[in-house]
Amino acid sequence: MNSLVVSKARLSVLLIFSAILFQNTIQAQNRDISQLSSGGKLNPIQANMDIRHYTLSLDVDIPNKKIAGFTEVETILAHAADSLLLDLIDLYNVTAVKVNNKPVKFDHSNNKIYITGSFPAGKQLIRVDYNGEPPVAVRPPWGGGFTWTKDSLGNDWVAINCQKEGGRVYFACKDHPSDEPNEGVDMYISIPKNLVVSGPGLLQKVTTVKNKATYHWKTNYTISNYCVVFNIGKYKVVSKDMTTINGHVVPIQFYVLEEDTAEAKKLIELKERDTHILEKYFGEYPWWKEKIGICEVPNSGMEHQTNITFQNKFVYSKIGTSDYSANLLHEYAHEWWANKVTNKDWAHMWIQEGIGTYAEALTMYELGGQAAYDQIIDGHKRGIRYKKPMVGVGEMSEDETYNQTDIYAKGSFFMHSLRYLIGDEIFLPTLKKLATDPAYTYDNMVTTDDVEKLFSGAAKQDLKPFFDFFLRTTDVLDITVKETGYQKYLVKLNNYFMDLPFEITTASGTSKMTMVKNGLTINSSTPPLIDPKGFYLKKVLYLQ
């Protein structure tokens, strides 16, 4: 072979290799969903759409890690429109779109489905047929997608997480926290018949044809998109009925791997105990018409409505004499704080994460007394990073709010401070009202202003300065204690924004005083200690 032929052959191989490399690079880029984040500014086209119901019908091809089927979206248009807009990542091949059973023009790009036509105000039924390979979750549940794995006995085990990226990672939807399907969701999930599907709501029916089984799960409640998920495994259902605080009988159902069934009884007992604790402070379990669900998954737990996920290898800590799982309790508290009381925009995510974290402190009190409560609150205080305010400005994406931990730790400590400020006799009933009043629950979503106005009304004082200072800034109370004479001190709040009660310890003991704008004059043979029990986030400087 002459040199020219060899050169052409090498060039041909190089071009083919380059093309394959380029194609693989593009595919890898297309499969990277790490930059996706739910929420943000609501598109005006979607603002016109009120989502009422989703139906998902999907065949899950586990060996090839693919899904195929359709999503039906029932929506009401406030005004006539020439465009509809749904979210679905570009990894899928959309084969057809129909509106009211009629084919329509559409464009699937930039992770959105743009639908054009003439659509009158009122009810519309959109059907999207699609198929493809879902993204694989890199760090579930914080990084969304599918987890395809096997249990220790070699059985297939599949989990879905999508809080960060939204439901669009696997079904067509309006992916914004301000709109949930008021009339719930139906899911028809087909899998190999030797496995089991766990989902939200109640199992309606299992239909078996040859080697396939289709599970029909249904919830009639409004539900966040990221909770519209299912899990697949070699599950056994262990169940026990319990009676809620209002006398309703609801099943506790644990979808546990067959290999772990020996652990199920104890976990269900803990779940029942935790229910009674959370109901004491937040009212009846929100989804008593369906189930108290738990599903074992291969990743850290999530607050998936009526079917929270759980994974801690059944290792428990001790609080007093009681066994306790922080993972189990925190995700369960989200049934009230996130699933029932839902933030209207991710900018207010502290409501669900902060109060959900504070629920852990209340549980510590019930299990271990005041010392256990004080210890976990102190841990929350030490965990605050002060990177940015907890409440953002305007409509925010999940990433913009979540990428700092203070919505958990500082959110919890803020509730601790608020409790001290207004007292248990106001704080505890108002917290329960927030969790039970229809104005703040289910279909009616909330913002920080809603929470502030509720507590201000209950306390009969303007708490907005308090909310603004701790939630909308990273500041702490700046206090100076200055010796002004013999055994005389001036205690002053330098960044004053409202009168605040303080416990102050002097040589004579501890008393509660109100800090006013000009400060407090304290007589004591020893320097006074300000807020010794730590009800506020503060720094104290002693001056000569």
Protein backbone atom coordinates (compact mmCIF):
# COMPACT_ATOMS: atom_id res chain seq x y z
CA MET A 1 0.00 0.00 0.00
CA ASN A 2 1.45 3.33 -1.01
CA SER A 3 1.85 6.22 1.43
CA LEU A 4 -1.06 8.18 -0.09
CA VAL A 5 -3.45 5.27 0.47
CA VAL A 6 -2.14 4.84 4.02
CA SER A 7 -2.62 8.54 4.70
CA LYS A 8 -6.20 8.42 3.37
CA ALA A 9 -6.93 5.35 5.47
CA ARG A 10 -5.56 7.03 8.58
CA LEU A 11 -7.54 10.19 7.81
CA SER A 12 -10.71 8.15 7.38
CA VAL A 13 -10.19 6.40 10.71
CA LEU A 14 -9.43 9.73 12.37
CA LEU A 15 -12.59 11.31 10.96
CA ILE A 16 -14.73 8.38 12.09
CA PHE A 17 -13.15 8.47 15.55
CA SER A 18 -13.68 12.23 15.78
CA ALA A 19 -17.30 11.87 14.72
CA ILE A 20 -17.94 9.19 17.34
CA LEU A 21 -16.19 11.27 19.99
CA PHE A 22 -18.23 14.36 19.01
CA GLN A 23 -21.47 12.36 19.08
CA ASN A 24 -20.66 10.86 22.48
CA THR A 25 -19.76 14.31 23.80
CA ILE A 26 -23.05 15.78 22.58
CA GLN A 27 -24.98 12.85 24.07
CA ALA A 28 -23.16 13.27 27.38
CA GLN A 29 -23.96 16.99 27.37
CA ASN A 30 -27.59 16.28 26.56
CA ARG A 31 -27.77 13.74 29.40
CA ASP A 32 -26.32 16.16 31.94
CA ILE A 33 -29.32 17.63 33.77
CA SER A 34 -27.31 19.06 36.66
CA GLN A 35 -28.01 22.62 35.49
CA LEU A 36 -31.78 22.12 35.54
CA SER A 37 -33.64 23.57 38.48
CA SER A 38 -37.36 23.58 39.17
CA GLY A 39 -39.25 26.84 39.51
CA GLY A 40 -37.96 30.30 38.73
CA LYS A 41 -39.93 32.93 36.87
CA LEU A 42 -43.26 31.54 35.69
CA ASN A 43 -43.74 31.68 31.94
CA PRO A 44 -46.85 33.73 30.99
CA ILE A 45 -48.11 30.88 28.81
CA GLN A 46 -48.06 28.57 31.80
CA ALA A 47 -49.52 31.24 34.08
CA ASN A 48 -52.67 30.91 31.95
CA MET A 49 -52.83 27.17 32.71
CA ASP A 50 -54.34 25.76 35.91
CA ILE A 51 -53.32 22.09 36.18
CA ARG A 52 -56.11 19.87 37.46
CA HIS A 53 -54.94 16.27 36.96
CA TYR A 54 -52.12 14.12 35.58
CA THR A 55 -52.34 10.60 34.19
CA LEU A 56 -49.07 8.74 33.63
CA SER A 57 -49.01 5.48 31.71
CA LEU A 58 -45.50 4.09 31.37
CA ASP A 59 -43.83 0.82 30.51
CA VAL A 60 -40.53 0.51 32.37
CA ASP A 61 -37.92 -1.45 30.42
CA ILE A 62 -35.52 -2.28 33.24
CA PRO A 63 -32.89 -4.26 31.24
CA ASN A 64 -32.50 -1.38 28.75
CA LYS A 65 -33.13 1.36 31.32
CA LYS A 66 -35.84 3.00 29.21
CA ILE A 67 -39.43 4.14 29.59
CA ALA A 68 -42.22 4.51 27.03
CA GLY A 69 -45.81 5.65 27.21
CA PHE A 70 -47.77 8.87 27.64
CA THR A 71 -48.77 11.64 30.02
CA GLU A 72 -52.22 13.20 29.99
CA VAL A 73 -52.52 16.69 31.44
CA GLU A 74 -55.92 18.09 32.35
CA THR A 75 -55.77 21.86 32.58
CA ILE A 76 -58.08 24.87 32.65
CA LEU A 77 -57.15 27.94 30.63
CA ALA A 78 -58.08 31.24 32.20
CA HIS A 79 -58.15 32.87 28.76
CA ALA A 80 -58.24 31.69 25.16
CA ALA A 81 -54.73 31.07 23.85
CA ASP A 82 -52.79 30.13 20.74
CA SER A 83 -50.08 28.37 22.74
CA LEU A 84 -49.75 25.77 25.49
CA LEU A 85 -46.49 24.97 27.23
CA LEU A 86 -45.34 21.86 29.08
CA ASP A 87 -41.97 20.85 30.48
CA LEU A 88 -40.16 17.65 29.49
CA ILE A 89 -36.41 17.21 29.17
CA ASP A 90 -34.98 16.76 25.69
CA LEU A 91 -33.71 13.23 26.37
CA TYR A 92 -37.08 11.85 25.30
CA ASN A 93 -38.46 11.37 21.83
CA VAL A 94 -41.93 12.93 21.70
CA THR A 95 -43.83 11.02 19.03
CA ALA A 96 -47.22 12.73 19.21
CA VAL A 97 -49.16 15.46 20.99
CA LYS A 98 -52.94 15.74 21.05
CA VAL A 99 -55.25 18.33 22.56
CA ASN A 100 -58.81 17.17 23.18
CA ASN A 101 -58.01 14.02 21.14
CA LYS A 102 -56.91 16.00 18.08
CA PRO A 103 -53.29 16.02 16.81
CA VAL A 104 -51.61 19.43 17.13
CA LYS A 105 -48.39 21.05 16.08
CA PHE A 106 -45.61 21.03 18.63
CA ASP A 107 -41.92 21.70 19.07
CA HIS A 108 -39.88 19.86 21.67
CA SER A 109 -36.72 21.80 22.45
CA ASN A 110 -34.91 23.43 25.35
CA ASN A 111 -36.60 20.92 27.68
CA LYS A 112 -40.03 22.31 26.79
CA ILE A 113 -42.94 21.26 24.59
CA TYR A 114 -44.39 24.25 22.73
CA ILE A 115 -47.91 23.45 21.48
CA THR A 116 -49.61 25.72 18.97
CA GLY A 117 -53.20 26.00 17.80
CA SER A 118 -56.41 27.68 18.85
CA PHE A 119 -57.46 26.86 22.41
CA PRO A 120 -60.55 28.40 24.00
CA ALA A 121 -60.77 29.27 27.67
CA GLY A 122 -61.80 26.39 29.88
CA LYS A 123 -60.87 22.72 30.12
CA GLN A 124 -58.21 21.22 27.86
CA LEU A 125 -56.88 17.65 27.76
CA ILE A 126 -53.29 17.37 26.53
CA ARG A 127 -51.75 14.01 25.73
CA VAL A 128 -48.02 13.61 25.11
CA ASP A 129 -46.66 10.29 23.80
CA TYR A 130 -42.94 9.81 24.33
CA ASN A 131 -40.16 7.32 24.94
CA GLY A 132 -36.50 7.32 25.79
CA GLU A 133 -33.78 6.74 28.33
CA PRO A 134 -34.24 8.71 31.57
CA PRO A 135 -31.27 10.49 33.13
CA VAL A 136 -29.42 8.50 35.75
CA ALA A 137 -29.34 10.13 39.18
CA VAL A 138 -25.76 11.04 40.04
CA ARG A 139 -26.26 11.84 43.73
CA PRO A 140 -29.82 10.97 44.68
CA PRO A 141 -31.96 12.42 46.07
CA TRP A 142 -30.13 15.77 45.67
CA GLY A 143 -29.28 15.06 42.04
CA GLY A 144 -32.40 13.84 40.27
CA GLY A 145 -33.12 11.05 37.82
CA PHE A 146 -33.52 7.29 37.90
CA THR A 147 -31.47 4.94 40.06
CA TRP A 148 -31.15 1.51 38.45
CA THR A 149 -29.61 -0.94 40.88
CA LYS A 150 -30.11 -4.32 42.53
CA ASP A 151 -30.73 -5.41 46.09
CA SER A 152 -28.33 -7.73 47.89
CA LEU A 153 -30.14 -10.78 46.47
CA GLY A 154 -29.74 -9.59 42.89
CA ASN A 155 -33.30 -8.36 42.34
CA ASP A 156 -33.87 -5.23 40.27
CA TRP A 157 -34.41 -2.10 42.33
CA VAL A 158 -35.44 1.23 40.77
CA ALA A 159 -35.98 4.61 42.42
CA ILE A 160 -36.86 8.10 41.11
CA ASN A 161 -35.94 11.46 42.64
CA CYS A 162 -36.60 14.85 41.08
CA GLN A 163 -37.07 17.62 43.66
CA LYS A 164 -34.22 19.70 42.24
CA GLU A 165 -34.96 19.27 38.53
CA GLY A 166 -38.71 18.77 38.76
CA GLY A 167 -41.11 16.15 37.41
CA ARG A 168 -40.03 16.99 33.84
CA VAL A 169 -37.16 14.53 34.21
CA TYR A 170 -39.64 11.80 33.33
CA PHE A 171 -43.13 13.14 32.58
CA ALA A 172 -44.67 16.10 30.75
CA CYS A 173 -45.94 18.67 33.20
CA LYS A 174 -46.17 22.30 34.21
CA ASP A 175 -43.06 22.28 36.35
CA HIS A 176 -43.54 25.14 38.80
CA PRO A 177 -44.21 24.91 42.55
CA SER A 178 -47.11 27.37 42.35
CA ASP A 179 -49.38 24.90 40.56
CA GLU A 180 -50.25 21.37 41.63
CA PRO A 181 -52.88 19.02 40.15
CA ASN A 182 -55.86 19.82 42.35
CA GLU A 183 -57.61 16.58 41.46
CA GLY A 184 -54.62 14.35 41.92
CA VAL A 185 -52.78 11.83 39.78
CA ASP A 186 -53.35 8.40 38.24
CA MET A 187 -50.28 6.28 37.49
CA TYR A 188 -50.26 3.10 35.39
CA ILE A 189 -46.79 1.58 35.65
CA SER A 190 -45.95 -1.67 33.81
CA ILE A 191 -43.05 -3.79 35.00
CA PRO A 192 -41.93 -7.45 35.10
CA LYS A 193 -44.52 -9.34 37.14
CA ASN A 194 -41.98 -10.64 39.65
CA LEU A 195 -41.48 -7.09 40.96
CA VAL A 196 -43.71 -4.58 42.77
CA VAL A 197 -44.45 -0.87 42.16
CA SER A 198 -44.83 1.46 45.14
CA GLY A 199 -46.52 4.79 44.48
CA PRO A 200 -48.51 7.73 45.90
CA GLY A 201 -52.06 7.39 47.15
CA LEU A 202 -53.84 4.04 47.08
CA LEU A 203 -53.23 1.01 44.92
CA GLN A 204 -56.34 0.53 42.77
CA LYS A 205 -55.53 -2.59 40.80
CA VAL A 206 -52.76 -4.86 39.52
CA THR A 207 -53.33 -6.28 36.05
CA THR A 208 -51.13 -9.14 34.89
CA VAL A 209 -50.70 -10.09 31.22
CA LYS A 210 -48.15 -12.79 30.46
CA ASN A 211 -44.92 -11.72 32.19
CA LYS A 212 -45.97 -8.09 32.73
CA ALA A 213 -47.84 -6.49 35.63
CA THR A 214 -49.42 -3.03 35.50
CA TYR A 215 -49.90 -1.21 38.81
CA HIS A 216 -52.57 1.46 38.98
CA TRP A 217 -51.84 3.97 41.74
CA LYS A 218 -54.20 6.86 42.42
CA THR A 219 -54.18 9.90 44.70
CA ASN A 220 -57.10 12.30 44.86
CA TYR A 221 -55.13 14.92 46.75
CA THR A 222 -53.22 17.83 45.32
CA ILE A 223 -49.56 16.84 45.08
CA SER A 224 -46.21 18.44 44.18
CA ASN A 225 -44.65 17.35 40.88
CA TYR A 226 -41.53 16.02 42.57
CA CYS A 227 -43.72 13.72 44.69
CA VAL A 228 -45.31 12.18 41.58
CA VAL A 229 -42.83 9.32 41.55
CA PHE A 230 -42.79 5.56 41.90
CA ASN A 231 -40.30 2.95 43.07
CA ILE A 232 -39.81 -0.62 41.88
CA GLY A 233 -38.39 -3.52 43.84
CA LYS A 234 -38.84 -7.00 45.20
CA TYR A 235 -41.10 -5.54 47.85
CA LYS A 236 -43.30 -7.08 50.47
CA VAL A 237 -46.07 -4.92 51.94
CA VAL A 238 -46.21 -4.95 55.74
CA SER A 239 -49.24 -3.08 57.04
CA LYS A 240 -50.89 -2.02 60.28
CA ASP A 241 -53.95 0.15 60.85
CA MET A 242 -53.74 3.08 63.25
CA THR A 243 -56.25 5.63 64.50
CA THR A 244 -55.50 9.31 63.98
CA ILE A 245 -55.98 12.05 66.55
CA ASN A 246 -59.41 12.76 65.00
CA GLY A 247 -60.50 9.12 65.12
CA HIS A 248 -59.91 8.12 61.50
CA VAL A 249 -58.43 4.70 60.75
CA VAL A 250 -55.54 4.85 58.27
CA PRO A 251 -53.17 2.05 57.21
CA ILE A 252 -49.44 2.31 57.77
CA GLN A 253 -47.95 0.50 54.76
CA PHE A 254 -44.27 -0.30 54.51
CA TYR A 255 -42.98 -1.35 51.10
CA VAL A 256 -39.92 -3.18 52.37
CA LEU A 257 -37.51 -5.39 50.44
CA GLU A 258 -38.33 -9.03 51.04
CA GLU A 259 -34.83 -9.50 52.47
CA ASP A 260 -35.58 -6.89 55.18
CA THR A 261 -39.06 -7.95 56.29
CA ALA A 262 -37.79 -8.83 59.77
CA GLU A 263 -37.16 -5.10 60.31
CA ALA A 264 -40.64 -3.97 59.28
CA LYS A 265 -42.57 -4.41 62.55
CA LYS A 266 -40.23 -2.18 64.56
CA LEU A 267 -40.15 0.55 61.93
CA ILE A 268 -43.94 0.63 61.72
CA GLU A 269 -44.15 0.93 65.51
CA LEU A 270 -41.79 3.93 65.37
CA LYS A 271 -43.91 5.40 62.60
CA GLU A 272 -47.05 5.10 64.69
CA ARG A 273 -45.34 6.73 67.67
CA ASP A 274 -43.99 9.57 65.52
CA THR A 275 -47.47 10.12 64.08
CA HIS A 276 -48.92 10.74 67.52
CA ILE A 277 -46.13 13.22 68.33
CA LEU A 278 -46.49 15.17 65.09
CA GLU A 279 -50.29 15.19 65.33
CA LYS A 280 -50.01 16.75 68.80
CA TYR A 281 -48.28 19.82 67.37
CA PHE A 282 -49.51 19.98 63.76
CA GLY A 283 -52.91 18.34 63.74
CA GLU A 284 -54.23 15.19 62.11
CA TYR A 285 -52.12 13.27 59.61
CA PRO A 286 -52.92 15.09 56.35
CA TRP A 287 -53.58 12.13 54.05
CA TRP A 288 -55.69 9.91 56.27
CA LYS A 289 -58.06 9.06 53.39
CA GLU A 290 -55.20 7.22 51.68
CA LYS A 291 -52.23 5.85 53.63
CA ILE A 292 -49.18 6.47 55.78
CA GLY A 293 -46.67 5.09 53.31
CA ILE A 294 -43.01 4.18 53.66
CA CYS A 295 -40.87 2.76 50.87
CA GLU A 296 -37.37 1.35 51.20
CA VAL A 297 -35.05 2.83 48.57
CA PRO A 298 -31.32 2.68 47.76
CA ASN A 299 -30.72 6.38 48.47
CA SER A 300 -31.33 8.82 51.31
CA GLY A 301 -34.98 9.43 52.07
CA MET A 302 -37.37 11.97 50.55
CA GLU A 303 -40.78 13.40 51.47
CA HIS A 304 -42.73 11.76 48.66
CA GLN A 305 -46.36 12.34 49.59
CA THR A 306 -48.15 9.38 51.23
CA ASN A 307 -45.08 7.29 50.42
CA ILE A 308 -41.99 8.80 52.00
CA THR A 309 -38.78 6.99 51.15
CA PHE A 310 -36.43 5.61 53.74
CA GLN A 311 -32.91 4.25 53.88
CA ASN A 312 -30.75 4.10 56.97
CA LYS A 313 -29.98 0.36 57.13
CA PHE A 314 -32.37 0.15 60.12
CA VAL A 315 -29.82 1.71 62.46
CA TYR A 316 -31.36 3.84 65.19
CA SER A 317 -30.07 6.31 67.77
CA LYS A 318 -31.32 6.58 71.34
CA ILE A 319 -33.23 9.59 72.66
CA GLY A 320 -33.79 8.91 76.33
CA THR A 321 -34.91 5.29 76.28
CA SER A 322 -36.50 5.51 72.82
CA ASP A 323 -35.19 4.44 69.43
CA TYR A 324 -35.15 7.24 66.89
CA SER A 325 -34.38 7.73 63.19
CA ALA A 326 -33.70 11.31 62.11
CA ASN A 327 -34.20 10.34 58.46
CA LEU A 328 -37.55 8.74 59.15
CA LEU A 329 -38.82 11.62 61.30
CA HIS A 330 -37.65 14.50 59.11
CA GLU A 331 -39.13 13.12 55.90
CA TYR A 332 -42.33 12.27 57.75
CA ALA A 333 -42.63 15.81 59.14
CA HIS A 334 -42.71 16.95 55.51
CA GLU A 335 -46.13 15.34 55.15
CA TRP A 336 -47.29 18.44 57.02
CA TRP A 337 -44.49 20.88 56.05
CA ALA A 338 -44.02 20.68 52.25
CA ASN A 339 -46.81 18.36 51.20
CA LYS A 340 -49.74 19.88 53.10
CA VAL A 341 -48.32 23.36 53.79
CA THR A 342 -46.53 24.13 50.53
CA ASN A 343 -44.44 27.16 49.62
CA LYS A 344 -45.84 29.00 46.61
CA ASP A 345 -42.35 29.70 45.31
CA TRP A 346 -38.95 28.17 46.08
CA ALA A 347 -37.90 31.55 47.52
CA HIS A 348 -39.92 30.54 50.60
CA MET A 349 -38.53 27.03 50.92
CA TRP A 350 -37.51 27.70 54.54
CA ILE A 351 -41.17 27.21 55.49
CA GLN A 352 -41.14 23.55 54.63
CA GLU A 353 -37.51 22.78 55.44
CA GLY A 354 -37.11 25.04 58.48
CA ILE A 355 -40.36 24.08 60.20
CA GLY A 356 -39.80 20.46 59.18
CA THR A 357 -36.44 20.64 60.94
CA TYR A 358 -38.02 22.32 63.96
CA ALA A 359 -40.39 19.35 64.13
CA GLU A 360 -37.32 17.29 65.03
CA ALA A 361 -36.73 19.55 68.05
CA LEU A 362 -40.33 19.15 69.19
CA THR A 363 -39.95 15.40 68.84
CA MET A 364 -36.75 15.51 70.87
CA TYR A 365 -38.71 17.24 73.62
CA GLU A 366 -41.36 14.53 73.61
CA LEU A 367 -38.80 11.72 73.69
CA GLY A 368 -36.02 13.18 75.84
CA GLY A 369 -37.37 16.24 77.62
CA GLN A 370 -36.06 19.79 77.71
CA ALA A 371 -32.40 18.73 77.69
CA ALA A 372 -32.86 16.84 74.40
CA TYR A 373 -34.69 19.82 72.90
CA ASP A 374 -31.96 22.24 74.00
CA GLN A 375 -29.24 20.00 72.58
CA ILE A 376 -30.71 19.72 69.09
CA ILE A 377 -31.51 23.45 68.96
CA ASP A 378 -27.92 24.20 69.93
CA GLY A 379 -26.81 21.91 67.09
CA HIS A 380 -29.02 23.80 64.66
CA LYS A 381 -27.53 27.11 65.81
CA ARG A 382 -23.99 25.80 65.31
CA GLY A 383 -24.90 24.63 61.82
CA ILE A 384 -25.88 28.07 60.52
CA ARG A 385 -23.53 29.37 57.82
CA TYR A 386 -24.89 32.90 57.23
CA LYS A 387 -24.08 32.73 53.51
CA LYS A 388 -27.20 34.47 52.27
CA PRO A 389 -30.70 35.38 53.46
CA MET A 390 -33.17 32.53 53.78
CA VAL A 391 -35.88 34.37 51.83
CA GLY A 392 -34.93 35.56 48.37
CA VAL A 393 -36.34 38.33 46.23
CA GLY A 394 -38.85 37.50 43.51
CA GLU A 395 -39.45 34.12 41.91
CA MET A 396 -36.51 31.79 42.52
CA SER A 397 -35.46 28.37 41.31
CA GLU A 398 -34.93 25.48 43.67
CA ASP A 399 -31.15 25.73 43.17
CA GLU A 400 -31.05 29.43 44.04
CA THR A 401 -32.70 28.77 47.39
CA TYR A 402 -31.45 25.30 48.24
CA ASN A 403 -27.72 25.83 47.64
CA GLN A 404 -27.16 26.92 51.21
CA THR A 405 -28.08 24.96 54.30
CA ASP A 406 -29.58 27.76 56.40
CA ILE A 407 -33.13 27.00 55.29
CA TYR A 408 -32.82 23.95 57.55
CA ALA A 409 -30.77 25.02 60.58
CA LYS A 410 -31.56 28.73 60.68
CA GLY A 411 -35.17 28.04 59.73
CA SER A 412 -35.51 25.82 62.78
CA PHE A 413 -33.71 28.26 65.07
CA PHE A 414 -35.90 31.09 63.82
CA MET A 415 -38.96 29.16 64.99
CA HIS A 416 -37.23 28.65 68.35
CA SER A 417 -36.67 32.44 68.60
CA LEU A 418 -40.21 33.26 67.52
CA ARG A 419 -41.54 30.89 70.15
CA TYR A 420 -39.62 32.74 72.86
CA LEU A 421 -40.66 36.13 71.55
CA ILE A 422 -44.42 35.52 71.62
CA GLY A 423 -44.63 32.69 74.19
CA ASP A 424 -45.92 29.12 74.04
CA GLU A 425 -49.53 30.14 74.67
CA ILE A 426 -49.55 31.98 71.33
CA PHE A 427 -46.84 30.19 69.36
CA LEU A 428 -48.01 26.59 69.64
CA PRO A 429 -51.70 27.14 68.73
CA THR A 430 -50.69 29.43 65.86
CA LEU A 431 -48.23 26.87 64.51
CA LYS A 432 -51.01 24.29 64.57
CA LYS A 433 -53.35 26.75 62.85
CA LEU A 434 -50.80 27.21 60.07
CA ALA A 435 -50.80 23.43 59.60
CA THR A 436 -54.57 22.94 59.76
CA ASP A 437 -56.39 26.04 58.47
CA PRO A 438 -57.61 25.58 54.86
CA ALA A 439 -56.32 29.08 54.07
CA TYR A 440 -52.75 27.76 54.30
CA THR A 441 -53.05 24.10 53.29
CA TYR A 442 -53.60 21.72 50.37
CA ASP A 443 -54.65 23.85 47.37
CA ASN A 444 -53.74 27.14 49.08
CA MET A 445 -49.99 27.67 49.03
CA VAL A 446 -48.10 30.09 51.24
CA THR A 447 -45.34 32.68 51.29
CA THR A 448 -43.29 34.14 54.12
CA ASP A 449 -45.64 37.12 54.27
CA ASP A 450 -48.57 34.76 54.88
CA VAL A 451 -46.77 33.16 57.80
CA GLU A 452 -45.74 36.51 59.26
CA LYS A 453 -49.25 37.96 59.05
CA LEU A 454 -50.71 34.88 60.75
CA PHE A 455 -48.31 35.11 63.70
CA SER A 456 -48.58 38.90 63.90
CA GLY A 457 -52.35 38.63 64.12
CA ALA A 458 -52.18 35.97 66.80
CA ALA A 459 -49.60 37.90 68.84
CA LYS A 460 -51.41 41.22 68.31
CA GLN A 461 -48.14 42.91 67.40
CA ASP A 462 -46.24 43.70 64.21
CA LEU A 463 -43.70 40.92 63.78
CA LYS A 464 -42.64 41.93 60.28
CA PRO A 465 -39.41 43.60 61.49
CA PHE A 466 -38.51 40.37 63.32
CA PHE A 467 -39.23 38.21 60.24
CA ASP A 468 -37.35 40.61 57.96
CA PHE A 469 -34.28 40.81 60.17
CA PHE A 470 -33.76 37.08 60.60
CA LEU A 471 -35.16 35.79 57.30
CA ARG A 472 -34.21 38.48 54.81
CA THR A 473 -30.73 39.35 56.11
CA THR A 474 -27.74 37.40 57.40
CA ASP A 475 -27.36 39.73 60.39
CA VAL A 476 -27.38 38.73 64.04
CA LEU A 477 -28.29 40.89 67.01
CA ASP A 478 -25.34 43.20 67.76
CA ILE A 479 -25.30 43.81 71.52
CA THR A 480 -22.81 45.77 73.60
CA VAL A 481 -22.50 45.74 77.38
CA LYS A 482 -20.69 48.88 78.54
CA GLU A 483 -19.62 49.55 82.10
CA THR A 484 -20.81 53.12 82.74
CA GLY A 485 -20.14 53.41 86.49
CA TYR A 486 -19.65 51.47 89.68
CA GLN A 487 -21.61 48.19 89.24
CA LYS A 488 -23.59 49.88 86.48
CA TYR A 489 -23.90 48.72 82.87
CA LEU A 490 -25.61 49.91 79.70
CA VAL A 491 -26.89 47.06 77.56
CA LYS A 492 -27.72 48.18 74.04
CA LEU A 493 -28.93 46.57 70.83
CA ASN A 494 -26.97 48.46 68.18
CA ASN A 495 -28.93 47.21 65.17
CA TYR A 496 -32.27 47.87 66.84
CA PHE A 497 -35.39 47.17 64.76
CA MET A 498 -38.05 46.56 67.44
CA ASP A 499 -38.44 46.14 71.19
CA LEU A 500 -37.38 42.62 72.16
CA PRO A 501 -37.66 40.64 75.40
CA PHE A 502 -34.38 39.34 76.82
CA GLU A 503 -33.43 37.18 79.74
CA ILE A 504 -30.57 38.90 81.58
CA THR A 505 -28.61 37.31 84.41
CA THR A 506 -27.09 39.57 87.05
CA ALA A 507 -25.66 39.02 90.52
CA SER A 508 -29.26 39.04 91.77
CA GLY A 509 -30.46 36.29 89.41
CA THR A 510 -32.16 36.04 86.03
CA SER A 511 -35.05 38.23 84.97
CA LYS A 512 -36.86 39.04 81.73
CA MET A 513 -36.51 42.59 80.46
CA THR A 514 -37.58 44.40 77.32
CA MET A 515 -34.78 45.88 75.23
CA VAL A 516 -35.81 49.30 73.95
CA LYS A 517 -34.09 51.57 71.44
CA ASN A 518 -31.98 53.47 73.99
CA GLY A 519 -30.92 50.29 75.77
CA LEU A 520 -31.18 49.09 79.36
CA THR A 521 -29.32 50.27 82.45
CA ILE A 522 -28.41 47.31 84.65
CA ASN A 523 -27.14 47.44 88.26
CA SER A 524 -25.08 44.39 89.16
CA SER A 525 -21.92 43.50 91.05
CA THR A 526 -21.01 41.19 88.18
CA PRO A 527 -21.18 41.82 84.43
CA PRO A 528 -24.65 40.88 83.18
CA LEU A 529 -25.11 37.87 80.92
CA ILE A 530 -27.41 38.53 77.96
CA ASP A 531 -29.75 35.79 76.72
CA PRO A 532 -27.82 33.04 78.55
CA LYS A 533 -30.08 30.24 77.29
CA GLY A 534 -29.59 31.29 73.68
CA PHE A 535 -33.01 32.20 72.34
CA TYR A 536 -31.56 34.60 69.75
CA LEU A 537 -28.79 34.65 67.17
CA LYS A 538 -26.48 37.34 68.55
CA LYS A 539 -23.01 38.59 69.30
CA VAL A 540 -22.26 40.32 72.61
CA LEU A 541 -19.30 42.65 73.11
CA TYR A 542 -18.23 43.81 76.57
CA LEU A 543 -16.76 47.32 76.71
CA GLN A 544 -14.95 49.11 79.52
